[in-house]
Amino acid sequence: LWYCVGCQKGGDIFNFLMEKENLTFGEALQLLAKRSNIQLSGRYDSQAAEKKEQLFLILSVVNEYYVQQLDSESGITARKYIEGRGLTPEMVDLFSLGFASDSWDATLNYLKKRGFHQDDLISAGLAISKRSGRGAYDRFRNRLMFPVKDHLGRVVGFSGRLLSGEKEAKYINTPETPLFKKGKLLYGYSQADDAARKRGYMILVEGNLDVVSLVQAGIPNVVAPLGTGLSSDQLKLLNRISNRLLIAFDQDEAGQQATKRALLEAAREGFETKVTTITGAKDPDEAVQNNRSQFITDLKNAKPAFDFLIAEAQQQYDNNSAFGRKKMAEALFPFISQQPDNVVKERYLEQLSSELGSRSSSLRKDLLAWQQETQSRSNSPVSDEVHQQSTDAVVVEKNRQERLEDYFVALLFNLPDMVLSHPKFTETISQLTHDAFIQSLHQKIISNITERAEQDELAVLTDNMEFLSDEEVKVLDALVMRDFGDILQTEKVALREIQRVQAELLQRHYRRLMKKYMRQKQSADLDAIKREELNNALREITTKLRELETTG
């Protein structure tokens, strides 16, 4: 057991690793099992794990090889490029930069001599099979190599920058492999972790060289997506550290469009985001090379996301005309709709109302009309069969939690009889609590279902719905009209889907409770009894989360 007097956190070895290394329970379990030479059983796939370990080994070995090649005679072009970009030897070492020689098989032959099989090299993304089916060749040739690491600092792939010629792409990445999932990785993440925690936010840039240059300039809390738009999985990775994000993408049109897309994704996940406008340079790398102090000032002057979008809309549309104001509002509606917090949405509508000189009630009606039109075009129902308490109510798009609740309830009411009568279903649904839902209608439905599960009365879910009002029945009817495709075709798949979604709902519920209790613990006037009660509650929640992550 361990306990930190400073932050008042404590627990067992699993908690310690989860806190210190920023791991899920499952990751901590696998790491400890490996260190203790214990074979995991149950759902743990030992064959797949061994395959991954072999790929990790191959990538570690080839990374060392690329580093050696950079210092070799053939690496002179790469060294000159690095020198021309102003990178110091310390940065080259810190990021383990390397060089893939201009050869079709140098890397392949080296790894084969080290005892690795060609099929494994192809699986690792280092080699490509020849069309003839006989043999393979190197994927990376004549490139400066940036190793890409996972959140534990393990090499999972590479990003290679072409050093000469124009017939190939300037940058290529490792393809999707068992280890390399581009949409789930961020370049520089493992190095930026501690610094971002201390500073309370992460800086997001476009390119690998931007990351290296900023770290060299004393700005260590920086990462970059791997040539992709910012994904939900990448945001979840960032959210492990902080939900505050500062975007400093390139200043060209493509960079600005990428910024706007990233703002929408970040809004959907509840991030507090700011945007940096770079002065006198096209990207962060050039900015710190030209004038570091000016770039630091640019970072300090970063605008909140909504202010940035308003300024962009003002440049594009005429705020003095009615049509221009309408276009401005429509340009900002997507961002407002993505916000998961109604208080934040309300604040943005008020701010937009002030900027446009329009009534906030009119903007709300326009927002509803815009949402209906947008959803109609995508053949999806209007967001949450909106319960508009008055003309002043904010009508918004549903967040992840609400969409998950909708999906789960719809799934329940579409289950075939063979699943409803299955003992495993009754056992699963009995573990659910209505507190895992935030929408009142859903809470009522789940309370009714769990009560009936205890009494073994779940043969037909649509029976005994008298507890719902006529309006609620209409909403429920609209909610369950959904095509689940093959999910409900077999008993096994349907049960697995119910368990999967229920597990995520419960995880979200327990994490909300954990945040609530942690805030209460920070209160200065807590007596010893109440503090102990909170500690017990937190330990219980931690145990439940562990169980869900182990079985999920």
Protein backbone atom coordinates (compact mmCIF):
# COMPACT_ATOMS: atom_id res chain seq x y z
CA LEU A 1 0.00 0.00 0.00
CA TRP A 2 1.05 3.59 -0.56
CA TYR A 3 -0.12 7.05 0.50
CA CYS A 4 0.90 10.55 -0.62
CA VAL A 5 0.66 13.14 2.17
CA GLY A 6 0.75 16.00 -0.33
CA CYS A 7 -2.18 15.07 -2.58
CA GLN A 8 -3.81 12.67 -0.09
CA LYS A 9 -4.02 9.91 -2.67
CA GLY A 10 -3.31 6.29 -1.84
CA GLY A 11 -4.06 2.69 -2.65
CA ASP A 12 -2.41 -0.51 -3.80
CA ILE A 13 0.26 -1.24 -6.38
CA PHE A 14 -2.31 -1.00 -9.19
CA ASN A 15 -3.40 2.49 -8.10
CA PHE A 16 0.23 3.55 -7.84
CA LEU A 17 1.07 2.51 -11.40
CA MET A 18 -2.18 3.97 -12.74
CA GLU A 19 -1.38 7.34 -11.11
CA LYS A 20 2.36 7.45 -11.80
CA GLU A 21 2.40 6.02 -15.33
CA ASN A 22 -1.06 7.25 -16.38
CA LEU A 23 -2.33 3.74 -17.16
CA THR A 24 -5.71 2.06 -17.21
CA PHE A 25 -6.19 -0.82 -14.80
CA GLY A 26 -5.84 -3.34 -17.62
CA GLU A 27 -2.50 -1.82 -18.70
CA ALA A 28 -1.23 -1.82 -15.12
CA LEU A 29 -2.28 -5.45 -14.72
CA GLN A 30 -0.43 -6.53 -17.88
CA LEU A 31 2.68 -4.55 -16.94
CA LEU A 32 2.87 -6.08 -13.47
CA ALA A 33 2.20 -9.56 -14.81
CA LYS A 34 5.05 -9.18 -17.28
CA ARG A 35 7.47 -7.89 -14.62
CA SER A 36 6.53 -10.73 -12.28
CA ASN A 37 6.66 -13.38 -15.02
CA ILE A 38 3.03 -14.31 -14.39
CA GLN A 39 0.91 -15.77 -17.18
CA LEU A 40 -2.50 -14.05 -17.38
CA SER A 41 -5.48 -16.28 -18.05
CA GLY A 42 -9.15 -15.70 -18.88
CA ARG A 43 -9.80 -13.25 -21.69
CA TYR A 44 -6.14 -12.35 -21.97
CA ASP A 45 -4.87 -13.45 -25.39
CA SER A 46 -1.32 -14.66 -24.70
CA GLN A 47 -0.60 -15.44 -28.37
CA ALA A 48 -1.54 -11.92 -29.47
CA ALA A 49 0.49 -10.49 -26.58
CA GLU A 50 3.57 -12.49 -27.61
CA LYS A 51 3.15 -11.25 -31.18
CA LYS A 52 3.06 -7.66 -29.96
CA GLU A 53 6.12 -8.20 -27.76
CA GLN A 54 8.01 -9.46 -30.80
CA LEU A 55 6.99 -6.37 -32.78
CA PHE A 56 8.06 -4.11 -29.92
CA LEU A 57 11.45 -5.82 -29.94
CA ILE A 58 11.86 -5.45 -33.71
CA LEU A 59 10.99 -1.74 -33.61
CA SER A 60 13.37 -1.12 -30.71
CA VAL A 61 16.20 -2.84 -32.59
CA VAL A 62 15.52 -1.02 -35.86
CA ASN A 63 15.33 2.31 -34.06
CA GLU A 64 18.86 1.73 -32.74
CA TYR A 65 19.92 0.78 -36.28
CA TYR A 66 18.48 4.00 -37.75
CA VAL A 67 20.29 6.03 -35.07
CA GLN A 68 23.57 4.32 -35.96
CA GLN A 69 22.98 4.96 -39.67
CA LEU A 70 22.54 8.66 -38.99
CA ASP A 71 26.11 8.76 -37.65
CA SER A 72 27.48 6.65 -40.50
CA GLU A 73 29.04 7.84 -43.76
CA SER A 74 25.74 7.33 -45.61
CA GLY A 75 23.94 9.60 -43.16
CA ILE A 76 25.74 12.78 -44.18
CA THR A 77 22.74 14.14 -46.13
CA ALA A 78 20.47 13.61 -43.14
CA ARG A 79 22.99 15.28 -40.80
CA LYS A 80 23.23 18.29 -43.10
CA TYR A 81 19.43 18.53 -43.16
CA ILE A 82 19.28 18.42 -39.36
CA GLU A 83 21.97 21.09 -39.12
CA GLY A 84 20.11 23.24 -41.63
CA ARG A 85 16.97 23.02 -39.50
CA GLY A 86 18.93 24.27 -36.49
CA LEU A 87 18.48 21.15 -34.34
CA THR A 88 21.07 20.47 -31.66
CA PRO A 89 22.70 17.08 -30.98
CA GLU A 90 20.82 17.01 -27.65
CA MET A 91 17.48 17.12 -29.47
CA VAL A 92 18.59 14.47 -31.94
CA ASP A 93 19.41 12.21 -28.98
CA LEU A 94 16.27 13.09 -27.01
CA PHE A 95 13.96 12.20 -29.89
CA SER A 96 16.18 9.32 -31.14
CA LEU A 97 16.24 10.68 -34.69
CA GLY A 98 17.73 8.31 -37.25
CA PHE A 99 18.31 7.69 -40.93
CA ALA A 100 16.99 5.06 -43.35
CA SER A 101 19.56 4.69 -46.12
CA ASP A 102 18.77 5.01 -49.82
CA SER A 103 18.57 1.26 -50.34
CA TRP A 104 15.83 -1.20 -51.19
CA ASP A 105 16.88 -3.83 -48.68
CA ALA A 106 19.52 -2.53 -46.23
CA THR A 107 17.16 -2.47 -43.26
CA LEU A 108 15.55 -5.75 -44.25
CA ASN A 109 18.89 -7.54 -44.53
CA TYR A 110 20.14 -6.12 -41.22
CA LEU A 111 17.07 -7.32 -39.33
CA LYS A 112 17.17 -10.74 -40.99
CA LYS A 113 20.78 -11.11 -39.84
CA ARG A 114 19.56 -10.28 -36.34
CA GLY A 115 17.30 -13.31 -36.56
CA PHE A 116 13.95 -11.72 -37.33
CA HIS A 117 11.53 -13.26 -39.83
CA GLN A 118 10.40 -11.40 -42.93
CA ASP A 119 6.71 -11.84 -42.10
CA ASP A 120 7.24 -10.11 -38.75
CA LEU A 121 9.08 -7.23 -40.46
CA ILE A 122 6.08 -6.80 -42.77
CA SER A 123 3.72 -6.93 -39.77
CA ALA A 124 5.81 -4.23 -38.08
CA GLY A 125 5.38 -1.97 -41.13
CA LEU A 126 9.07 -1.91 -41.97
CA ALA A 127 8.92 -3.97 -45.16
CA ILE A 128 6.53 -4.32 -48.11
CA SER A 129 5.84 -7.59 -49.92
CA LYS A 130 6.80 -7.62 -53.59
CA ARG A 131 3.93 -7.96 -56.08
CA SER A 132 5.38 -11.23 -57.29
CA GLY A 133 4.83 -12.62 -53.81
CA ARG A 134 8.50 -13.47 -53.53
CA GLY A 135 10.51 -11.43 -51.10
CA ALA A 136 10.06 -7.92 -49.78
CA TYR A 137 11.73 -4.50 -49.77
CA ASP A 138 12.26 -1.64 -47.30
CA ARG A 139 9.35 0.72 -46.76
CA PHE A 140 11.56 3.62 -45.58
CA ARG A 141 14.38 4.69 -47.90
CA ASN A 142 16.51 7.86 -47.89
CA ARG A 143 14.50 9.38 -45.05
CA LEU A 144 15.11 11.14 -41.77
CA MET A 145 13.40 8.86 -39.26
CA PHE A 146 11.26 10.05 -36.37
CA PRO A 147 10.36 7.17 -34.04
CA VAL A 148 6.75 7.35 -32.87
CA LYS A 149 6.16 6.16 -29.31
CA ASP A 150 3.08 5.17 -27.35
CA HIS A 151 2.12 6.72 -24.02
CA LEU A 152 4.54 4.36 -22.24
CA GLY A 153 7.47 5.52 -24.38
CA ARG A 154 7.69 2.33 -26.47
CA VAL A 155 8.48 2.67 -30.19
CA VAL A 156 5.41 1.58 -32.17
CA GLY A 157 6.27 2.95 -35.60
CA PHE A 158 8.00 5.69 -37.57
CA SER A 159 7.43 8.85 -39.52
CA GLY A 160 9.98 9.32 -42.31
CA ARG A 161 10.89 12.64 -43.96
CA LEU A 162 12.16 12.36 -47.55
CA LEU A 163 15.60 13.95 -47.96
CA SER A 164 15.76 14.32 -51.77
CA GLY A 165 13.64 13.84 -54.86
CA GLU A 166 10.00 14.70 -55.45
CA LYS A 167 8.52 11.47 -56.81
CA GLU A 168 7.53 10.23 -53.35
CA ALA A 169 5.54 11.78 -50.52
CA LYS A 170 7.51 14.16 -48.33
CA TYR A 171 6.38 12.32 -45.19
CA ILE A 172 5.24 8.73 -44.85
CA ASN A 173 4.18 6.92 -41.69
CA THR A 174 4.16 3.31 -40.64
CA PRO A 175 0.90 1.77 -41.92
CA GLU A 176 -1.74 0.48 -39.52
CA THR A 177 -0.26 -2.43 -37.57
CA PRO A 178 -1.09 -4.24 -34.32
CA LEU A 179 0.95 -1.51 -32.57
CA PHE A 180 0.64 1.54 -34.82
CA LYS A 181 -2.84 3.08 -34.85
CA LYS A 182 -2.29 6.55 -36.29
CA GLY A 183 -5.53 8.00 -34.95
CA LYS A 184 -4.64 6.89 -31.42
CA LEU A 185 -1.10 8.27 -31.26
CA LEU A 186 0.45 11.70 -30.80
CA TYR A 187 4.06 12.48 -31.68
CA GLY A 188 6.03 13.54 -28.60
CA TYR A 189 3.33 12.48 -26.12
CA SER A 190 5.50 10.42 -23.77
CA GLN A 191 8.10 13.21 -23.57
CA ALA A 192 5.48 15.93 -23.04
CA ASP A 193 3.47 14.11 -20.37
CA ASP A 194 5.15 15.43 -17.19
CA ALA A 195 5.61 18.98 -18.48
CA ALA A 196 1.98 19.23 -19.58
CA ARG A 197 0.80 18.01 -16.18
CA LYS A 198 2.88 20.65 -14.41
CA ARG A 199 1.76 23.47 -16.72
CA GLY A 200 -1.84 22.29 -16.85
CA TYR A 201 -2.26 22.29 -20.63
CA MET A 202 -0.90 20.79 -23.86
CA ILE A 203 0.18 22.62 -27.02
CA LEU A 204 -0.88 20.99 -30.29
CA VAL A 205 1.17 21.63 -33.44
CA GLU A 206 1.02 20.10 -36.91
CA GLY A 207 4.44 18.60 -37.59
CA ASN A 208 7.13 16.49 -35.94
CA LEU A 209 9.75 19.17 -36.51
CA ASP A 210 7.49 21.71 -34.82
CA VAL A 211 7.50 19.49 -31.74
CA VAL A 212 11.29 19.06 -31.72
CA SER A 213 11.96 22.78 -32.29
CA LEU A 214 9.60 23.87 -29.53
CA VAL A 215 11.12 21.44 -27.03
CA GLN A 216 14.57 22.76 -28.00
CA ALA A 217 13.26 26.28 -27.35
CA GLY A 218 12.22 25.34 -23.83
CA ILE A 219 8.55 24.61 -24.54
CA PRO A 220 8.24 20.94 -23.58
CA ASN A 221 4.45 20.50 -23.32
CA VAL A 222 3.88 19.98 -27.04
CA VAL A 223 2.61 17.15 -29.29
CA ALA A 224 1.51 16.67 -32.89
CA PRO A 225 -1.02 14.42 -34.65
CA LEU A 226 0.56 12.22 -37.28
CA GLY A 227 -0.64 13.97 -40.41
CA THR A 228 -4.27 13.37 -39.51
CA GLY A 229 -7.14 15.44 -38.28
CA LEU A 230 -7.46 15.43 -34.51
CA SER A 231 -9.40 12.31 -33.53
CA SER A 232 -11.59 11.40 -30.58
CA ASP A 233 -9.03 8.80 -29.46
CA GLN A 234 -6.22 11.35 -29.53
CA LEU A 235 -8.32 13.74 -27.46
CA LYS A 236 -8.98 11.01 -24.91
CA LEU A 237 -5.22 10.52 -24.70
CA LEU A 238 -4.77 14.26 -24.11
CA ASN A 239 -7.56 14.27 -21.56
CA ARG A 240 -5.57 11.84 -19.41
CA ILE A 241 -3.30 14.81 -18.72
CA SER A 242 -5.54 17.86 -19.01
CA ASN A 243 -8.67 19.09 -20.79
CA ARG A 244 -6.96 22.39 -21.62
CA LEU A 245 -5.55 22.58 -25.13
CA LEU A 246 -3.68 25.30 -27.04
CA ILE A 247 -3.64 24.88 -30.82
CA ALA A 248 -0.72 26.36 -32.80
CA PHE A 249 -1.15 25.02 -36.31
CA ASP A 250 0.44 26.41 -39.50
CA GLN A 251 -0.76 29.80 -40.66
CA ASP A 252 -1.61 28.80 -44.23
CA GLU A 253 -5.17 28.07 -45.38
CA ALA A 254 -4.81 24.33 -44.81
CA GLY A 255 -3.57 24.94 -41.28
CA GLN A 256 -6.44 27.28 -40.48
CA GLN A 257 -8.99 24.79 -41.78
CA ALA A 258 -7.33 22.06 -39.72
CA THR A 259 -7.59 24.36 -36.69
CA LYS A 260 -11.33 24.77 -37.15
CA ARG A 261 -11.85 21.02 -37.49
CA ALA A 262 -9.75 20.41 -34.38
CA LEU A 263 -11.82 22.95 -32.44
CA LEU A 264 -15.02 21.08 -33.28
CA GLU A 265 -13.56 17.74 -32.20
CA ALA A 266 -12.17 19.23 -28.99
CA ALA A 267 -15.52 20.91 -28.25
CA ARG A 268 -17.31 17.58 -28.60
CA GLU A 269 -15.03 16.10 -25.93
CA GLY A 270 -15.48 19.06 -23.57
CA PHE A 271 -12.02 20.63 -23.95
CA GLU A 272 -11.20 24.21 -23.00
CA THR A 273 -9.32 25.25 -26.12
CA LYS A 274 -7.35 28.31 -27.22
CA VAL A 275 -5.82 29.19 -30.60
CA THR A 276 -2.47 30.86 -31.21
CA THR A 277 -1.99 33.26 -34.13
CA ILE A 278 1.69 33.11 -35.08
CA THR A 279 3.39 36.42 -35.83
CA GLY A 280 5.92 36.73 -38.66
CA ALA A 281 6.27 33.02 -39.45
CA LYS A 282 4.41 30.27 -41.25
CA ASP A 283 4.65 27.63 -38.50
CA PRO A 284 5.89 27.13 -34.90
CA ASP A 285 9.26 25.74 -36.04
CA GLU A 286 10.04 28.86 -38.07
CA ALA A 287 8.61 31.08 -35.32
CA VAL A 288 10.95 29.88 -32.56
CA GLN A 289 13.91 29.87 -34.95
CA ASN A 290 13.23 33.50 -35.96
CA ASN A 291 12.06 35.06 -32.72
CA ARG A 292 11.46 32.86 -29.69
CA SER A 293 10.30 35.69 -27.43
CA GLN A 294 7.67 36.77 -29.97
CA PHE A 295 6.37 33.21 -30.21
CA ILE A 296 6.13 33.00 -26.41
CA THR A 297 4.11 36.22 -26.53
CA ASP A 298 1.88 34.70 -29.22
CA LEU A 299 1.23 31.71 -26.97
CA LYS A 300 0.35 33.97 -24.05
CA ASN A 301 -2.02 35.96 -26.28
CA ALA A 302 -3.83 32.87 -27.58
CA LYS A 303 -7.56 33.46 -28.02
CA PRO A 304 -10.27 31.27 -26.53
CA ALA A 305 -11.73 29.06 -29.25
CA PHE A 306 -15.04 30.90 -29.55
CA ASP A 307 -13.35 34.31 -29.73
CA PHE A 308 -11.09 32.98 -32.49
CA LEU A 309 -14.05 31.65 -34.48
CA ILE A 310 -15.95 34.93 -34.08
CA ALA A 311 -12.93 36.87 -35.37
CA GLU A 312 -12.63 34.49 -38.33
CA ALA A 313 -16.33 34.90 -39.14
CA GLN A 314 -16.07 38.70 -38.89
CA GLN A 315 -13.30 38.69 -41.48
CA GLN A 316 -15.36 36.53 -43.83
CA TYR A 317 -18.81 38.12 -43.49
CA ASP A 318 -20.20 41.64 -43.34
CA ASN A 319 -21.44 42.27 -39.80
CA ASN A 320 -23.27 45.39 -40.97
CA SER A 321 -25.76 43.53 -43.15
CA ALA A 322 -28.59 41.25 -42.05
CA PHE A 323 -27.44 38.52 -44.43
CA GLY A 324 -23.86 38.81 -43.19
CA ARG A 325 -24.96 38.44 -39.57
CA LYS A 326 -27.01 35.38 -40.52
CA LYS A 327 -23.98 33.77 -42.18
CA MET A 328 -21.83 34.58 -39.15
CA ALA A 329 -24.29 32.87 -36.84
CA GLU A 330 -24.46 29.78 -39.05
CA ALA A 331 -20.66 29.63 -39.14
CA LEU A 332 -20.61 29.42 -35.33
CA PHE A 333 -23.58 27.10 -34.77
CA PRO A 334 -21.53 23.89 -35.34
CA PHE A 335 -19.13 24.82 -32.55
CA ILE A 336 -21.92 25.80 -30.16
CA SER A 337 -23.82 22.59 -30.89
CA GLN A 338 -20.84 20.40 -30.05
CA GLN A 339 -20.47 21.73 -26.50
CA PRO A 340 -21.43 19.06 -23.92
CA ASP A 341 -22.07 21.66 -21.19
CA ASN A 342 -25.32 23.62 -21.38
CA VAL A 343 -23.90 26.47 -19.28
CA VAL A 344 -21.11 26.92 -21.83
CA LYS A 345 -23.60 26.80 -24.71
CA GLU A 346 -25.73 29.45 -23.07
CA ARG A 347 -22.70 31.69 -22.54
CA TYR A 348 -21.66 31.35 -26.19
CA LEU A 349 -25.16 32.21 -27.41
CA GLU A 350 -25.17 35.32 -25.22
CA GLN A 351 -21.74 36.33 -26.52
CA LEU A 352 -22.82 35.80 -30.13
CA SER A 353 -26.01 37.75 -29.46
CA SER A 354 -23.93 40.68 -28.22
CA GLU A 355 -21.57 40.53 -31.21
CA LEU A 356 -24.44 40.47 -33.73
CA GLY A 357 -26.72 42.88 -31.92
CA SER A 358 -29.48 40.27 -32.00
CA ARG A 359 -31.79 38.91 -29.33
CA SER A 360 -30.56 35.69 -27.77
CA SER A 361 -34.06 34.19 -28.08
CA SER A 362 -33.92 34.71 -31.86
CA LEU A 363 -30.52 33.04 -32.03
CA ARG A 364 -31.84 30.03 -30.16
CA LYS A 365 -34.66 29.62 -32.66
CA ASP A 366 -32.18 29.94 -35.52
CA LEU A 367 -29.94 27.36 -33.87
CA LEU A 368 -32.84 24.91 -33.62
CA ALA A 369 -33.77 25.48 -37.26
CA TRP A 370 -30.15 25.01 -38.33
CA GLN A 371 -29.89 21.75 -36.35
CA GLN A 372 -33.11 20.40 -37.83
CA GLU A 373 -31.96 21.20 -41.36
CA THR A 374 -28.50 19.73 -40.77
CA GLN A 375 -29.87 16.54 -39.25
CA SER A 376 -32.48 16.23 -41.98
CA ARG A 377 -29.74 16.31 -44.59
CA SER A 378 -27.92 13.50 -42.81
CA ASN A 379 -31.14 11.48 -42.40
CA SER A 380 -30.83 11.50 -38.63
CA PRO A 381 -33.57 12.43 -36.16
CA VAL A 382 -33.62 15.84 -34.52
CA SER A 383 -31.32 15.88 -31.52
CA ASP A 384 -33.06 14.47 -28.44
CA GLU A 385 -36.63 15.04 -29.47
CA VAL A 386 -35.98 18.39 -27.88
CA HIS A 387 -37.81 19.19 -24.66
CA GLN A 388 -38.13 22.94 -25.03
CA GLN A 389 -39.35 24.27 -21.71
CA SER A 390 -39.78 27.78 -23.13
CA THR A 391 -38.80 29.84 -26.14
CA ASP A 392 -35.66 30.78 -24.22
CA ALA A 393 -34.48 27.19 -23.76
CA VAL A 394 -31.16 26.35 -25.37
CA VAL A 395 -31.60 23.63 -27.98
CA VAL A 396 -28.38 21.78 -28.61
CA GLU A 397 -26.90 18.68 -30.12
CA LYS A 398 -26.49 15.73 -27.79
CA ASN A 399 -23.15 14.98 -26.20
CA ARG A 400 -21.47 11.57 -26.02
CA GLN A 401 -23.13 10.62 -22.72
CA GLU A 402 -26.63 11.42 -24.01
CA ARG A 403 -26.06 9.63 -27.32
CA LEU A 404 -24.82 6.59 -25.44
CA GLU A 405 -27.95 6.61 -23.26
CA ASP A 406 -30.19 6.88 -26.33
CA TYR A 407 -28.41 4.00 -28.01
CA PHE A 408 -28.63 1.78 -24.92
CA VAL A 409 -32.35 2.36 -24.35
CA ALA A 410 -33.08 1.81 -28.05
CA LEU A 411 -31.01 -1.37 -27.93
CA LEU A 412 -33.00 -2.68 -24.96
CA PHE A 413 -36.35 -2.19 -26.65
CA ASN A 414 -35.17 -3.87 -29.85
CA LEU A 415 -33.81 -7.01 -28.18
CA PRO A 416 -35.39 -10.26 -29.41
CA ASP A 417 -37.26 -12.46 -26.93
CA MET A 418 -34.47 -15.02 -26.84
CA VAL A 419 -32.16 -12.41 -25.31
CA LEU A 420 -34.71 -10.96 -22.87
CA SER A 421 -35.35 -14.41 -21.47
CA HIS A 422 -31.67 -15.29 -21.20
CA PRO A 423 -30.38 -15.54 -17.58
CA LYS A 424 -27.21 -13.67 -18.57
CA PHE A 425 -29.28 -10.67 -19.67
CA THR A 426 -31.16 -10.54 -16.36
CA GLU A 427 -27.87 -10.82 -14.48
CA THR A 428 -26.31 -8.03 -16.55
CA ILE A 429 -29.19 -5.57 -16.37
CA SER A 430 -29.54 -6.10 -12.60
CA GLN A 431 -26.10 -4.55 -12.14
CA LEU A 432 -27.23 -1.28 -13.74
CA THR A 433 -28.34 1.79 -11.79
CA HIS A 434 -30.53 4.62 -13.03
CA ASP A 435 -27.92 7.06 -11.66
CA ALA A 436 -25.68 6.07 -14.59
CA PHE A 437 -28.03 8.14 -16.79
CA ILE A 438 -28.36 11.91 -16.83
CA GLN A 439 -31.59 12.23 -18.84
CA SER A 440 -34.70 12.02 -16.67
CA LEU A 441 -36.73 9.92 -19.12
CA HIS A 442 -33.98 7.37 -19.37
CA GLN A 443 -33.62 7.26 -15.58
CA LYS A 444 -37.33 6.43 -15.23
CA ILE A 445 -37.15 3.69 -17.85
CA ILE A 446 -34.03 2.06 -16.38
CA SER A 447 -35.47 2.18 -12.84
CA ASN A 448 -38.56 0.36 -14.09
CA ILE A 449 -36.55 -2.24 -16.00
CA THR A 450 -34.15 -3.02 -13.13
CA GLU A 451 -37.07 -3.41 -10.71
CA ARG A 452 -38.78 -5.82 -13.10
CA ALA A 453 -35.49 -7.71 -13.57
CA GLU A 454 -35.39 -8.35 -9.82
CA GLN A 455 -38.93 -9.77 -10.05
CA ASP A 456 -38.11 -11.76 -13.22
CA GLU A 457 -40.71 -9.87 -15.29
CA LEU A 458 -38.75 -8.95 -18.42
CA ALA A 459 -40.42 -11.18 -21.00
CA VAL A 460 -41.77 -8.16 -22.89
CA LEU A 461 -40.21 -4.77 -22.17
CA THR A 462 -43.09 -2.79 -23.68
CA ASP A 463 -45.51 -4.15 -21.08
CA ASN A 464 -46.29 -2.03 -18.03
CA MET A 465 -45.31 1.36 -19.48
CA GLU A 466 -48.10 3.19 -17.61
CA PHE A 467 -45.56 5.10 -15.56
CA LEU A 468 -44.70 7.17 -18.67
CA SER A 469 -46.74 10.16 -19.77
CA ASP A 470 -48.18 10.31 -23.31
CA GLU A 471 -45.45 12.78 -24.30
CA GLU A 472 -42.72 10.52 -22.90
CA VAL A 473 -44.15 7.53 -24.76
CA LYS A 474 -43.92 9.51 -28.01
CA VAL A 475 -40.30 10.35 -27.29
CA LEU A 476 -39.54 6.71 -26.48
CA ASP A 477 -41.27 5.54 -29.67
CA ALA A 478 -39.09 7.88 -31.74
CA LEU A 479 -36.00 6.81 -29.82
CA VAL A 480 -36.33 3.08 -30.46
CA MET A 481 -36.87 3.45 -34.22
CA ARG A 482 -33.35 2.44 -35.12
CA ASP A 483 -31.74 -0.17 -37.37
CA PHE A 484 -29.18 -2.28 -35.50
CA GLY A 485 -28.11 -4.34 -38.49
CA ASP A 486 -26.42 -7.63 -37.57
CA ILE A 487 -25.99 -6.77 -33.89
CA LEU A 488 -29.28 -8.41 -32.91
CA GLN A 489 -29.08 -11.41 -35.22
CA THR A 490 -27.52 -13.74 -32.67
CA GLU A 491 -27.97 -14.13 -28.94
CA LYS A 492 -24.25 -14.01 -28.22
CA VAL A 493 -23.53 -10.81 -30.18
CA ALA A 494 -26.58 -9.00 -28.77
CA LEU A 495 -25.64 -9.85 -25.18
CA ARG A 496 -22.05 -8.77 -25.79
CA GLU A 497 -23.24 -5.42 -27.17
CA ILE A 498 -25.50 -4.82 -24.15
CA GLN A 499 -22.61 -5.60 -21.81
CA ARG A 500 -20.21 -3.35 -23.73
CA VAL A 501 -22.45 -0.28 -23.69
CA GLN A 502 -23.56 -0.86 -20.11
CA ALA A 503 -19.92 -1.09 -19.01
CA GLU A 504 -19.14 2.29 -20.60
CA LEU A 505 -22.20 3.89 -18.97
CA LEU A 506 -21.16 2.57 -15.56
CA GLN A 507 -17.56 3.67 -16.05
CA ARG A 508 -18.72 7.18 -16.86
CA HIS A 509 -21.04 7.15 -13.82
CA TYR A 510 -18.29 6.06 -11.43
CA ARG A 511 -15.86 8.62 -12.81
CA ARG A 512 -18.43 11.38 -12.28
CA LEU A 513 -18.88 10.20 -8.71
CA MET A 514 -15.13 10.08 -8.20
CA LYS A 515 -14.74 13.70 -9.35
CA LYS A 516 -17.61 14.75 -7.09
CA TYR A 517 -16.11 13.05 -4.03
CA MET A 518 -12.64 14.38 -4.77
CA ARG A 519 -14.05 17.93 -4.86
CA GLN A 520 -15.77 17.31 -1.54
CA LYS A 521 -12.53 16.02 -0.04
CA GLN A 522 -10.83 19.30 -0.87
CA SER A 523 -13.20 21.15 1.44
CA ALA A 524 -11.34 22.57 4.44
CA ASP A 525 -14.18 22.11 6.94
CA LEU A 526 -14.54 18.32 6.58
CA ASP A 527 -14.49 16.43 9.87
CA ALA A 528 -12.60 13.16 10.26
CA ILE A 529 -15.72 10.98 10.01
CA LYS A 530 -16.92 12.56 6.78
CA ARG A 531 -13.42 12.38 5.28
CA GLU A 532 -13.21 8.67 6.11
CA GLU A 533 -16.64 8.11 4.54
CA LEU A 534 -15.43 9.79 1.36
CA ASN A 535 -12.23 7.71 1.38
CA ASN A 536 -14.29 4.53 1.69
CA ALA A 537 -16.56 5.63 -1.14
CA LEU A 538 -13.56 6.41 -3.36
CA ARG A 539 -12.02 3.00 -2.62
CA GLU A 540 -15.30 1.30 -3.51
CA ILE A 541 -15.56 3.23 -6.79
CA THR A 542 -11.94 2.42 -7.66
CA THR A 543 -12.67 -1.28 -7.13
CA LYS A 544 -15.74 -1.12 -9.36
CA LEU A 545 -13.85 0.68 -12.11
CA ARG A 546 -11.15 -1.96 -11.88
CA GLU A 547 -13.67 -4.73 -12.29
CA LEU A 548 -15.22 -3.03 -15.32
CA GLU A 549 -11.87 -2.43 -17.04
CA THR A 550 -10.83 -6.04 -16.39
CA THR A 551 -14.02 -7.53 -17.83
CA GLY A 552 -14.71 -4.80 -20.43
